[in-house]
Protein backbone atom coordinates (compact mmCIF):
# COMPACT_ATOMS: atom_id res chain seq x y z
CA MET A 1 195.39 120.49 225.90
CA THR A 2 197.47 123.53 226.71
CA LYS A 3 200.61 124.48 224.85
CA THR A 4 202.75 124.33 227.96
CA MET A 5 203.90 121.04 229.37
CA ASN A 6 202.95 120.14 232.89
CA ARG A 7 205.57 119.25 235.49
CA GLN A 8 205.13 115.50 235.15
CA LYS A 9 205.73 115.57 231.41
CA ILE A 10 208.75 117.84 231.78
CA GLU A 11 210.17 115.59 234.48
CA LYS A 12 209.59 112.52 232.30
CA VAL A 13 211.40 114.12 229.34
CA LEU A 14 214.32 115.24 231.53
CA LEU A 15 214.66 111.78 233.07
CA LYS A 16 214.66 110.23 229.60
CA GLU A 17 217.41 112.65 228.48
CA LEU A 18 219.37 111.89 231.64
CA LYS A 19 219.14 108.14 231.04
CA ALA A 20 220.34 108.50 227.45
CA LEU A 21 223.20 110.75 228.55
CA ASN A 22 224.20 108.28 231.28
CA ASP A 23 224.39 105.52 228.67
CA ILE A 24 226.69 107.67 226.52
CA ILE A 25 228.88 108.49 229.53
CA ASP A 26 229.08 104.82 230.50
CA ARG A 27 230.17 103.82 227.00
CA LYS A 28 232.83 106.55 226.95
CA ILE A 29 234.15 105.45 230.34
CA LEU A 30 234.42 101.85 229.14
CA ARG A 31 236.32 102.99 226.05
CA GLY A 32 238.59 105.27 228.08
CA LEU A 33 237.41 108.43 226.32
CA SER A 34 236.86 111.87 227.80
CA TYR A 35 233.29 112.65 228.81
CA SER A 36 233.68 116.22 230.05
CA VAL A 37 231.13 117.65 227.58
CA GLU A 38 228.55 115.08 228.62
CA SER A 39 229.37 115.75 232.26
CA ARG A 40 228.42 119.41 231.85
CA GLN A 41 225.19 118.43 230.08
CA HIS A 42 224.42 115.99 232.90
CA LYS A 43 224.90 118.72 235.49
CA PHE A 44 222.67 121.09 233.51
CA ILE A 45 219.87 118.52 233.20
CA LEU A 46 220.08 117.75 236.93
CA ALA A 47 219.73 121.45 237.69
CA LYS A 48 216.65 121.67 235.44
CA LEU A 49 215.18 118.60 237.10
CA SER A 50 215.78 120.10 240.51
CA ARG A 51 213.96 123.30 239.52
CA VAL A 52 211.03 121.30 238.12
CA ARG A 53 210.71 119.17 241.23
CA GLY A 54 211.23 122.09 243.59
CA ALA A 55 214.41 123.15 245.30
CA ALA A 56 213.04 122.48 248.79
CA ASP A 57 212.71 118.77 248.05
CA TYR A 58 216.34 118.32 247.06
CA GLY A 59 218.29 120.91 249.01
CA TRP A 60 221.07 119.99 251.41
CA PHE A 61 219.08 121.38 254.31
CA SER A 62 216.13 119.05 253.82
CA ARG A 63 218.45 116.05 253.29
CA THR A 64 220.33 116.90 256.47
CA PHE A 65 217.27 116.97 258.66
CA THR A 66 215.25 114.09 257.22
CA PHE A 67 215.37 112.30 260.57
CA THR A 68 212.99 114.89 262.08
CA TYR A 69 210.07 113.90 259.86
């Protein structure tokens, strides 16, 4: 096995981190606490996930013209 992780493994790890972070954010919302730090982390993880999956798959342009496929 190589030392670098393949895309599927990276995506799996990022999705796991995102799920855990969403749980923390949900608990903070229910308690009425600020979740601004977690919000920034969430945005950062989504950006990483987007780069792993490929920007063309998740760009506004491709979402706008999905009806042409």
